[in-house]
Protein backbone atom coordinates (compact mmCIF):
# COMPACT_ATOMS: atom_id res chain seq x y z
CA MET A 1 -28.94 -3.39 13.72
CA SER A 2 -26.79 -6.06 15.32
CA THR A 3 -23.15 -6.35 16.05
CA SER A 4 -20.97 -9.35 16.73
CA THR A 5 -20.27 -8.79 20.39
CA PRO A 6 -19.95 -10.93 23.51
CA GLN A 7 -23.08 -11.89 25.37
CA MET A 8 -22.73 -9.55 28.29
CA ASP A 9 -20.44 -7.27 30.19
CA THR A 10 -20.26 -6.10 33.78
CA ASN A 11 -19.07 -2.62 34.56
CA THR A 12 -19.59 -2.76 38.28
CA ASN A 13 -16.83 -3.18 40.85
CA THR A 14 -17.02 -6.89 41.66
CA ASN A 15 -15.47 -6.32 45.09
CA THR A 16 -18.40 -4.14 46.16
CA PRO A 17 -21.91 -5.66 46.48
CA LEU A 18 -24.52 -3.83 44.50
CA PRO A 19 -26.85 -1.62 46.60
CA LEU A 20 -29.91 -3.91 46.36
CA THR A 21 -28.04 -7.23 46.70
CA GLY A 22 -30.15 -9.65 48.73
CA LEU A 23 -33.47 -8.02 47.73
CA ARG A 24 -35.97 -10.29 46.02
CA VAL A 25 -38.56 -8.85 43.61
CA VAL A 26 -41.47 -10.84 42.12
CA GLU A 27 -42.90 -9.05 39.10
CA PHE A 28 -46.08 -9.57 37.10
CA THR A 29 -45.35 -7.05 34.39
CA HIS A 30 -45.49 -6.61 30.64
CA MET A 31 -44.93 -3.98 27.96
CA VAL A 32 -42.71 -1.11 29.29
CA MET A 33 -43.83 0.60 32.46
CA GLY A 34 -43.70 -2.32 34.93
CA PRO A 35 -40.63 -3.93 33.31
CA THR A 36 -38.78 -0.61 33.60
CA CYS A 37 -39.26 -0.65 37.37
CA GLY A 38 -37.87 -4.19 37.55
CA LEU A 39 -35.05 -3.24 35.23
CA ILE A 40 -33.91 -0.45 37.57
CA LEU A 41 -34.15 -2.62 40.71
CA GLY A 42 -32.37 -5.48 38.92
CA ASP A 43 -29.61 -3.27 37.67
CA LEU A 44 -29.08 -2.09 41.21
CA GLY A 45 -28.59 -5.66 42.39
CA ALA A 46 -32.01 -7.05 43.27
CA GLU A 47 -32.99 -10.60 42.25
CA VAL A 48 -35.95 -10.07 39.97
CA LEU A 49 -38.23 -13.01 39.25
CA LYS A 50 -40.31 -12.30 36.19
CA ILE A 51 -43.48 -14.39 36.33
CA GLU A 52 -44.68 -15.05 32.80
CA PRO A 53 -47.69 -16.93 31.41
CA LEU A 54 -46.90 -20.20 29.68
CA THR A 55 -47.00 -18.43 26.32
CA GLY A 56 -44.63 -15.73 27.53
CA ASP A 57 -44.80 -11.98 27.94
CA ASN A 58 -46.62 -10.65 24.86
CA THR A 59 -43.73 -8.24 24.15
CA ARG A 60 -41.63 -11.28 23.16
CA LYS A 61 -43.79 -11.39 20.00
CA LEU A 62 -44.12 -7.69 19.06
CA LEU A 63 -42.97 -6.39 15.71
CA GLY A 64 -42.09 -2.90 14.49
CA SER A 65 -41.73 -0.26 17.15
CA GLY A 66 -42.33 -2.85 19.89
CA SER A 67 -39.69 -5.30 18.72
CA GLY A 68 -37.08 -3.88 21.11
CA PHE A 69 -39.30 -3.81 24.18
CA PHE A 70 -38.49 -7.18 25.76
CA GLY A 71 -34.78 -7.10 25.17
CA THR A 72 -34.47 -3.55 26.41
CA PHE A 73 -36.42 -3.75 29.66
CA ASN A 74 -35.88 -7.29 30.92
CA ARG A 75 -32.16 -7.77 31.53
CA ASN A 76 -30.92 -8.84 34.97
CA LYS A 77 -34.12 -10.87 35.48
CA LYS A 78 -35.05 -14.50 35.84
CA SER A 79 -37.98 -15.95 33.90
CA VAL A 80 -40.41 -18.23 35.69
CA ALA A 81 -43.18 -19.46 33.39
CA VAL A 82 -46.22 -20.65 35.33
CA ASP A 83 -49.99 -20.87 34.88
CA VAL A 84 -51.10 -18.73 37.79
CA LYS A 85 -54.75 -19.64 37.10
CA HIS A 86 -54.01 -23.22 38.01
CA PRO A 87 -54.22 -23.87 41.76
CA ARG A 88 -50.73 -25.43 41.85
CA GLY A 89 -49.36 -22.57 39.79
CA LEU A 90 -50.87 -20.01 42.17
CA GLU A 91 -49.42 -21.91 45.11
CA ILE A 92 -45.95 -21.63 43.58
CA VAL A 93 -46.31 -17.90 43.06
CA LEU A 94 -47.64 -17.34 46.61
CA ARG A 95 -44.68 -19.24 48.05
CA LEU A 96 -42.29 -17.02 46.07
CA ILE A 97 -44.13 -13.89 47.25
CA ALA A 98 -44.00 -15.08 50.88
CA GLN A 99 -40.16 -14.89 50.58
CA ALA A 100 -40.09 -11.64 48.55
CA ASP A 101 -39.41 -8.07 49.51
CA VAL A 102 -41.22 -6.47 46.54
CA PHE A 103 -44.16 -7.40 44.33
CA SER A 104 -44.53 -5.37 41.13
CA GLU A 105 -47.40 -5.37 38.65
CA ASN A 106 -48.81 -3.24 35.85
CA PHE A 107 -51.98 -4.94 34.72
CA LYS A 108 -55.48 -3.46 34.47
CA SER A 109 -57.02 -2.51 37.82
CA GLY A 110 -58.67 -5.49 39.39
CA THR A 111 -56.68 -8.14 37.49
CA MET A 112 -54.36 -8.99 40.39
CA ARG A 113 -57.26 -9.13 42.84
CA GLN A 114 -59.17 -11.54 40.63
CA LEU A 115 -56.09 -13.80 40.63
CA GLY A 116 -55.85 -13.70 44.39
CA LEU A 117 -52.79 -11.43 44.19
CA GLY A 118 -54.28 -8.14 45.35
CA TYR A 119 -52.49 -5.97 47.92
CA GLU A 120 -54.83 -6.90 50.78
CA ALA A 121 -54.23 -10.64 50.30
CA LEU A 122 -50.51 -10.41 49.78
CA SER A 123 -49.92 -7.97 52.66
CA GLN A 124 -51.56 -10.51 54.97
CA LEU A 125 -49.38 -13.29 53.54
CA ASN A 126 -46.23 -11.19 53.88
CA PRO A 127 -46.62 -8.06 56.06
CA GLN A 128 -43.16 -6.82 55.07
CA LEU A 129 -43.99 -6.92 51.35
CA ILE A 130 -43.79 -3.70 49.32
CA TYR A 131 -46.47 -3.87 46.65
CA VAL A 132 -45.95 -1.52 43.69
CA SER A 133 -48.65 -1.00 41.10
CA HIS A 134 -48.04 0.80 37.81
CA LYS A 135 -51.31 2.17 36.50
CA GLY A 136 -52.83 4.55 33.99
CA PHE A 137 -54.18 6.85 36.67
CA LEU A 138 -53.85 7.25 40.40
CA PRO A 139 -57.14 6.83 42.33
CA GLY A 140 -59.79 9.31 41.16
CA PRO A 141 -62.48 9.81 38.51
CA TYR A 142 -60.24 8.56 35.69
CA GLU A 143 -58.90 5.40 37.30
CA HIS A 144 -61.35 3.13 35.50
CA ARG A 145 -60.05 4.23 32.08
CA THR A 146 -57.66 2.23 30.01
CA ALA A 147 -54.49 4.25 29.46
CA LEU A 148 -51.53 4.00 27.11
CA ASP A 149 -48.53 6.27 26.86
CA GLU A 150 -49.98 7.94 23.81
CA VAL A 151 -53.37 8.38 25.47
CA VAL A 152 -51.94 10.33 28.40
CA GLN A 153 -49.64 12.32 26.12
CA MET A 154 -52.76 13.53 24.32
CA MET A 155 -54.83 14.28 27.40
CA GLY A 156 -51.93 15.52 29.50
CA GLY A 157 -50.63 18.30 27.29
CA LEU A 158 -47.45 16.66 26.06
CA ALA A 159 -48.64 16.01 22.52
CA TYR A 160 -50.00 19.54 22.27
CA MET A 161 -46.67 20.97 23.37
CA THR A 162 -44.61 18.73 21.07
CA GLY A 163 -46.33 19.20 17.75
CA PRO A 164 -46.91 22.34 15.64
CA GLU A 165 -50.13 24.33 16.13
CA GLY A 166 -53.11 22.15 15.45
CA ARG A 167 -50.99 19.01 14.98
CA PRO A 168 -50.60 17.25 18.35
CA LEU A 169 -47.61 14.86 18.18
CA ARG A 170 -46.56 12.19 20.64
CA ALA A 171 -42.98 12.26 21.89
CA GLY A 172 -40.62 9.94 20.05
CA THR A 173 -40.22 7.35 22.81
CA SER A 174 -42.25 5.73 25.60
CA VAL A 175 -41.52 8.68 27.86
CA ASN A 176 -44.37 8.18 30.35
CA ASP A 177 -44.02 4.40 30.49
CA ILE A 178 -40.31 4.68 31.20
CA MET A 179 -40.61 7.52 33.73
CA GLY A 180 -43.62 5.87 35.31
CA GLY A 181 -41.56 2.75 35.95
CA MET A 182 -38.76 4.92 37.27
CA PHE A 183 -41.12 6.65 39.75
CA GLY A 184 -42.38 3.18 40.73
CA ALA A 185 -38.78 2.19 41.55
CA ILE A 186 -38.27 5.43 43.51
CA GLY A 187 -41.41 4.61 45.48
CA VAL A 188 -40.07 1.14 46.22
CA LEU A 189 -36.75 2.55 47.49
CA ALA A 190 -38.67 5.03 49.73
CA ALA A 191 -40.85 2.23 51.09
CA LEU A 192 -37.79 0.05 51.78
CA GLN A 193 -36.27 2.87 53.76
CA GLN A 194 -39.53 3.36 55.69
CA ARG A 195 -39.68 -0.39 56.35
CA HIS A 196 -36.39 -0.06 58.26
CA HIS A 197 -38.31 2.07 60.78
CA THR A 198 -41.72 0.40 60.82
CA GLY A 199 -40.91 -3.25 60.03
CA ARG A 200 -43.84 -3.29 57.59
CA GLY A 201 -44.28 -2.99 53.87
CA GLN A 202 -46.81 -0.84 52.06
CA GLU A 203 -48.55 -0.22 48.76
CA VAL A 204 -46.87 2.06 46.24
CA GLN A 205 -48.61 3.39 43.15
CA SER A 206 -47.23 5.12 40.06
CA ALA A 207 -49.32 6.27 37.11
CA LEU A 208 -48.94 7.35 33.49
CA PHE A 209 -51.26 10.36 33.59
CA GLU A 210 -49.86 11.86 36.75
CA ASN A 211 -46.33 11.33 35.40
CA ASN A 212 -47.26 13.21 32.24
CA VAL A 213 -48.80 16.07 34.29
CA PHE A 214 -45.52 16.29 36.27
CA LEU A 215 -43.75 16.80 32.93
CA MET A 216 -46.19 19.63 32.15
CA ALA A 217 -45.60 21.45 35.49
CA GLN A 218 -43.26 24.04 34.02
CA HIS A 219 -45.81 24.97 31.34
CA MET A 220 -48.65 25.13 33.84
CA ALA A 221 -46.48 27.40 36.02
CA GLN A 222 -45.68 29.57 32.99
CA PHE A 223 -49.39 30.26 32.54
CA ALA A 224 -49.78 30.97 36.22
CA VAL A 225 -46.87 33.39 36.23
CA THR A 226 -47.49 35.20 32.89
CA GLY A 227 -51.20 34.75 32.32
CA HIS A 228 -50.40 33.57 28.81
CA ALA A 229 -50.81 29.95 27.65
CA ALA A 230 -47.59 28.14 26.75
CA ALA A 231 -47.20 27.84 23.00
CA PRO A 232 -46.30 24.46 21.46
CA MET A 233 -42.53 23.99 21.23
CA PRO A 234 -42.26 24.64 17.45
CA SER A 235 -43.94 28.06 17.81
CA ARG A 236 -42.81 29.00 21.32
CA ILE A 237 -41.04 32.21 22.18
CA SER A 238 -37.69 30.82 23.30
CA ALA A 239 -36.06 32.15 26.47
CA TRP A 240 -32.81 32.25 24.47
CA ALA A 241 -32.19 34.06 21.26
CA VAL A 242 -29.89 31.62 19.52
CA TYR A 243 -31.28 28.15 20.30
CA ASP A 244 -32.35 26.35 17.19
CA VAL A 245 -31.65 23.85 14.42
CA PHE A 246 -29.77 25.29 11.40
CA THR A 247 -29.72 23.80 7.91
CA VAL A 248 -26.19 24.24 6.63
CA LYS A 249 -23.98 23.15 3.66
CA HIS A 250 -25.04 20.03 1.74
CA GLY A 251 -28.41 20.14 3.47
CA GLU A 252 -26.98 18.91 6.81
CA GLN A 253 -28.54 20.07 10.02
CA VAL A 254 -27.03 21.01 13.36
CA PHE A 255 -28.36 22.46 16.62
CA LEU A 256 -26.52 25.60 17.70
CA ALA A 257 -27.03 27.77 20.81
CA ALA A 258 -25.70 30.89 22.47
CA VAL A 259 -27.71 31.42 25.60
CA SER A 260 -25.88 34.23 27.39
CA ASP A 261 -24.36 37.59 26.44
CA THR A 262 -20.89 36.08 26.95
CA GLN A 263 -21.65 33.24 24.53
CA TRP A 264 -23.10 35.68 22.00
CA ALA A 265 -19.88 37.72 22.06
CA LEU A 266 -17.82 34.53 21.61
CA LEU A 267 -19.94 33.49 18.63
CA CYS A 268 -19.64 36.89 16.99
CA ASP A 269 -15.86 37.03 17.48
CA GLU A 270 -15.32 33.48 16.22
CA PHE A 271 -17.23 34.00 13.00
CA ASP A 272 -16.37 37.67 12.45
CA PHE A 273 -19.93 38.87 13.01
CA ALA A 274 -18.65 42.29 14.12
CA ASP A 275 -21.72 44.05 12.69
CA LEU A 276 -24.07 41.89 14.79
CA LYS A 277 -21.97 42.28 17.90
CA ALA A 278 -22.02 46.10 17.55
CA ASP A 279 -25.73 46.32 16.76
CA PRO A 280 -27.49 48.00 19.74
CA ARG A 281 -30.67 46.05 18.91
CA LEU A 282 -28.79 42.84 19.89
CA ASP A 283 -27.00 44.03 23.03
CA SER A 284 -28.69 41.58 25.40
CA ASN A 285 -30.25 38.17 25.30
CA ASN A 286 -33.76 39.61 25.84
CA ALA A 287 -33.17 42.11 23.06
CA ARG A 288 -32.04 39.36 20.75
CA VAL A 289 -35.17 37.37 21.59
CA GLN A 290 -37.25 40.36 20.52
CA ALA A 291 -35.21 40.60 17.31
CA ARG A 292 -35.43 36.93 16.33
CA ASP A 293 -37.75 37.67 13.38
CA TRP A 294 -34.97 39.45 11.49
CA MET A 295 -31.84 38.18 13.30
CA MET A 296 -32.42 34.45 12.75
CA PRO A 297 -32.65 34.71 8.92
CA VAL A 298 -29.35 36.54 8.93
CA LEU A 299 -27.69 33.83 11.07
CA ARG A 300 -29.22 31.06 8.97
CA SER A 301 -27.86 32.64 5.78
CA ARG A 302 -24.37 33.02 7.21
CA PHE A 303 -24.14 29.57 8.77
CA ALA A 304 -25.45 27.98 5.59
CA GLU A 305 -21.97 28.36 4.08
CA PHE A 306 -20.42 26.04 6.66
CA GLU A 307 -20.38 22.24 6.98
CA ALA A 308 -22.05 20.89 10.10
CA SER A 309 -18.86 19.18 11.22
CA GLU A 310 -16.87 22.49 11.07
CA LEU A 311 -19.55 24.31 13.03
CA GLY A 312 -19.54 21.57 15.64
CA GLN A 313 -15.79 21.67 16.00
CA ARG A 314 -15.69 25.46 16.36
CA PHE A 315 -18.63 25.55 18.82
CA GLU A 316 -17.00 22.81 20.89
CA ALA A 317 -13.67 24.69 20.94
CA MET A 318 -15.49 27.77 22.24
CA GLY A 319 -17.48 25.79 24.78
CA LEU A 320 -20.77 26.74 23.17
CA PRO A 321 -23.73 24.28 23.08
CA TYR A 322 -24.21 22.40 19.86
CA ALA A 323 -25.43 18.99 18.72
CA PRO A 324 -25.53 16.95 15.56
CA ILE A 325 -28.99 15.68 14.61
CA THR A 326 -28.57 12.01 15.52
CA ARG A 327 -30.74 8.96 14.75
CA PRO A 328 -31.24 6.27 17.41
CA GLN A 329 -29.22 3.66 15.48
CA ASP A 330 -26.28 6.04 15.33
CA LEU A 331 -26.02 5.87 19.15
CA LEU A 332 -24.88 2.25 18.94
CA GLU A 333 -21.52 3.57 17.65
CA ASP A 334 -21.39 6.80 19.64
CA PRO A 335 -17.72 7.32 20.65
CA HIS A 336 -18.51 8.86 24.03
CA LEU A 337 -20.90 6.03 25.00
CA LEU A 338 -18.41 3.39 23.87
CA ALA A 339 -15.46 5.01 25.62
CA SER A 340 -17.26 5.75 28.87
CA GLY A 341 -18.96 2.37 29.27
CA GLY A 342 -22.45 3.77 28.67
CA LEU A 343 -23.20 0.90 26.27
CA THR A 344 -22.63 -2.74 27.03
CA PRO A 345 -22.80 -5.85 24.87
CA VAL A 346 -25.89 -7.99 25.34
CA THR A 347 -27.64 -10.86 23.62
CA PHE A 348 -31.40 -10.89 23.19
CA PRO A 349 -32.62 -14.52 23.13
CA PRO A 350 -34.46 -15.86 20.05
CA ASP A 351 -37.85 -15.43 21.69
CA ALA A 352 -37.24 -11.83 22.74
CA SER A 353 -38.89 -10.26 19.70
CA GLY A 354 -40.94 -11.11 16.71
CA ALA A 355 -37.71 -11.76 14.82
CA ASN A 356 -37.36 -15.14 16.59
CA ARG A 357 -33.56 -15.09 16.40
CA ALA A 358 -30.79 -14.25 18.79
CA VAL A 359 -29.63 -10.62 18.42
CA HIS A 360 -26.15 -9.55 19.51
CA THR A 361 -26.17 -5.82 20.13
CA ARG A 362 -25.31 -3.12 22.62
CA THR A 363 -27.69 -1.66 25.16
CA PRO A 364 -27.59 1.52 27.27
CA LEU A 365 -26.96 1.15 30.98
CA LEU A 366 -28.72 3.15 33.72
CA PRO A 367 -27.64 6.82 33.33
CA LEU A 368 -25.92 7.06 36.65
CA THR A 369 -22.77 6.02 38.46
CA LEU A 370 -22.21 4.90 42.04
CA GLN A 371 -18.64 5.45 43.26
CA GLY A 372 -17.67 6.01 39.65
CA GLN A 373 -19.08 2.66 38.51
CA ARG A 374 -21.87 1.99 36.04
CA MET A 375 -24.50 -0.67 36.84
CA GLY A 376 -23.77 -3.53 34.46
CA VAL A 377 -25.61 -6.41 32.83
CA ARG A 378 -25.17 -9.45 35.05
CA SER A 379 -27.48 -11.56 32.89
CA PRO A 380 -29.07 -10.94 29.50
CA PRO A 381 -32.83 -10.91 28.98
CA PRO A 382 -34.00 -14.46 29.74
CA ALA A 383 -35.56 -17.00 27.45
CA LEU A 384 -39.09 -17.96 28.43
CA GLY A 385 -39.03 -20.24 31.51
CA GLN A 386 -35.23 -20.18 31.54
CA ASP A 387 -35.14 -20.18 35.37
CA THR A 388 -38.35 -22.05 36.21
CA ILE A 389 -36.65 -25.28 37.24
CA SER A 390 -33.93 -23.68 39.40
CA ILE A 391 -36.45 -21.52 41.22
CA LEU A 392 -38.73 -24.48 41.88
CA SER A 393 -35.76 -26.44 43.20
CA ASP A 394 -34.92 -23.50 45.48
CA LEU A 395 -38.46 -23.67 46.82
CA GLY A 396 -37.75 -27.27 47.88
CA LEU A 397 -39.75 -29.09 45.20
CA SER A 398 -38.37 -32.54 44.36
CA ARG A 399 -37.35 -33.62 40.90
CA PRO A 400 -40.46 -35.85 40.49
CA GLU A 401 -42.68 -32.98 41.57
CA ILE A 402 -41.12 -30.61 39.08
CA THR A 403 -41.37 -33.20 36.35
CA GLN A 404 -45.05 -33.67 37.10
CA LEU A 405 -45.68 -29.88 36.96
CA LEU A 406 -44.02 -29.79 33.59
CA ALA A 407 -46.00 -32.78 32.32
CA ASP A 408 -49.30 -31.32 33.57
CA GLY A 409 -48.64 -27.96 31.82
CA VAL A 410 -48.58 -25.96 35.07
CA VAL A 411 -45.13 -24.60 34.36
CA VAL A 412 -42.81 -24.23 31.37
CA GLY A 413 -39.05 -24.75 31.76
CA HIS A 414 -36.10 -26.68 30.61
CA PRO A 415 -36.43 -30.46 31.23
CA VAL A 416 -35.00 -31.81 34.44
CA ALA A 417 -31.63 -33.47 33.63
CA GLY A 418 -30.67 -36.90 34.82
């Protein structure tokens, strides 16, 4: 879905420098995990140089569920397209890294070392460099395996917990990739703070599998505490009696909850469920949990007479939890996000997806505020090689030198004017 909106918007206070202003990040990343780390650092003010192969990040060409990857995770970055396997291309990258604060990568273990960009080499080149690697696994017996978000969801318990019994189901978004990139960014921020004390950089690692295991910690602890294995979410014994999706009038669905005795009393009073309120079998949340087998069909039958919108309005008026069942595309027009600045206009360039056309849309900002301000989009996702020429000029290369690099196929960028 696209909307006719301006190219970009900035929600930050222009009188206050962003927290990471002045920080330079060089990233060798693709797909979601590594780009998410750069997205976070870039949104917080860092200058992020995305080093791409001459053919571009492969996510520029993805279709289907991957068609939104590049546009979503690569705003506030500059694209430098260079053949790092060419000696002159590698020299350019090394010169950039020598001036950088952070180097970020998420390629298969050993790839950076083979290119001459491993941690040992780069830490000697730039002792203050923070080197963050986003991997499938942290060091250990599994680290040689190739991992994907779905792989670690299956082996890390998330797919088991999400689907019904016997039907493991991956979560509906790239949850480990995104959180793995987030933890990579957290590691970078911690290493930056430590560098203030030591004067030296360090290696930071984040991994998909360990991220997924962190998500499973509460279920692992449940087993340790109770001695009983956690049931998949569709068949779990909920900690709260009324905490479920209800199918109501016209087949609509709405999530409704009453998670305390006070909320249960409010619900019964609002809908004239005096018989349920007075029933001694339902006099506490734990009692209602035990009675779910017969109580929930009663509630489902009674709520089925109402429209979802009416139930939502009445639950909101009482301060009870509720939620419409929303599709991702509906969020582009969500009134709260639009009014609060949680969405901002952005343009994805023609080479940012397999669609090969510019897309004008809205994109979510980081889910945080600093001094009441959201971190905005200073620049939209870049076209391939959009910033190659300017970055080479900043390195001190002359116009003839840049022209020769273009002619020799070492870099891709816009032609030098004049």
